[in-house]
Amino acid sequence: MGKEKPVEGKFVTSVKVGPKGQIIVPKEVRDMFNIQPGDMLLMLADVEQGIAIQTFNTTNEMFENLFPGKK
């Protein structure tokens, strides 16, 4: 298997949990989502589906999809 060109807009890596339970968001991901120091991230966790982390500014769209209705 040769080295394949990464798909634009996608990134896969592993991260290590530090002794204080912290993880580091890789630079490539911070750049992809324009995450800056002090930004808030939203963590979603489900025992069966796993963990998802997204930028906090995307929550309006998520809530509108979950709870559609008039604004």
Protein backbone atom coordinates (compact mmCIF):
# COMPACT_ATOMS: atom_id res chain seq x y z
CA MET A 1 0.00 0.00 0.00
CA GLY A 2 1.48 3.33 -1.08
CA LYS A 3 1.13 6.62 0.66
CA GLU A 4 -2.20 8.10 -0.42
CA LYS A 5 -2.90 11.79 -0.86
CA PRO A 6 -5.07 13.09 2.02
CA VAL A 7 -8.65 13.99 1.16
CA GLU A 8 -9.19 17.75 1.36
CA GLY A 9 -11.31 18.73 4.35
CA LYS A 10 -10.60 15.44 6.17
CA PHE A 11 -8.07 14.63 8.87
CA VAL A 12 -7.42 11.49 10.90
CA THR A 13 -5.00 11.16 13.78
CA SER A 14 -4.73 9.80 17.28
CA VAL A 15 -4.39 11.97 20.37
CA LYS A 16 -3.05 11.06 23.78
CA VAL A 17 -4.88 11.90 27.00
CA GLY A 18 -2.50 13.63 29.38
CA PRO A 19 -2.25 13.07 33.14
CA LYS A 20 -4.84 15.80 33.80
CA GLY A 21 -7.31 14.27 31.32
CA GLN A 22 -6.55 16.86 28.64
CA ILE A 23 -6.16 16.25 24.92
CA ILE A 24 -4.40 18.40 22.35
CA VAL A 25 -6.29 19.41 19.21
CA PRO A 26 -3.75 18.94 16.40
CA LYS A 27 -2.62 22.07 14.54
CA GLU A 28 -4.04 20.78 11.27
CA VAL A 29 -7.50 20.52 12.86
CA ARG A 30 -7.20 23.92 14.58
CA ASP A 31 -6.29 25.45 11.22
CA MET A 32 -9.09 23.58 9.40
CA PHE A 33 -11.74 24.94 11.79
CA ASN A 34 -10.01 28.22 12.69
CA ILE A 35 -9.87 27.25 16.37
CA GLN A 36 -8.07 29.86 18.44
CA PRO A 37 -6.86 29.82 22.07
CA GLY A 38 -9.84 30.51 24.34
CA ASP A 39 -12.44 29.23 21.85
CA MET A 40 -15.21 27.05 23.26
CA LEU A 41 -15.67 23.52 21.90
CA LEU A 42 -18.73 21.35 22.37
CA MET A 43 -18.18 17.70 23.33
CA LEU A 44 -20.93 15.18 22.64
CA ALA A 45 -20.59 11.69 24.09
CA ASP A 46 -22.62 8.52 23.69
CA VAL A 47 -21.61 5.13 25.12
CA GLU A 48 -22.57 3.35 21.89
CA GLN A 49 -21.55 5.94 19.29
CA GLY A 50 -18.45 7.48 20.83
CA ILE A 51 -17.27 11.05 21.25
CA ALA A 52 -17.65 14.01 18.89
CA ILE A 53 -16.15 17.44 19.35
CA GLN A 54 -17.25 20.43 17.34
CA THR A 55 -16.80 24.15 17.43
CA PHE A 56 -19.33 25.90 19.62
CA ASN A 57 -20.40 28.30 16.87
CA THR A 58 -21.94 25.36 14.95
CA THR A 59 -24.45 24.62 17.70
CA ASN A 60 -27.17 26.89 16.28
CA GLU A 61 -27.38 24.76 13.13
CA MET A 62 -27.33 21.54 15.18
CA PHE A 63 -30.16 22.69 17.45
CA GLU A 64 -32.22 23.88 14.48
CA ASN A 65 -31.85 20.41 12.93
CA LEU A 66 -32.81 18.71 16.20
CA PHE A 67 -35.66 21.07 17.03
CA PRO A 68 -36.96 22.55 13.77
CA GLY A 69 -39.50 25.31 14.00
CA LYS A 70 -40.08 28.98 13.65
CA LYS A 71 -37.41 31.34 14.85
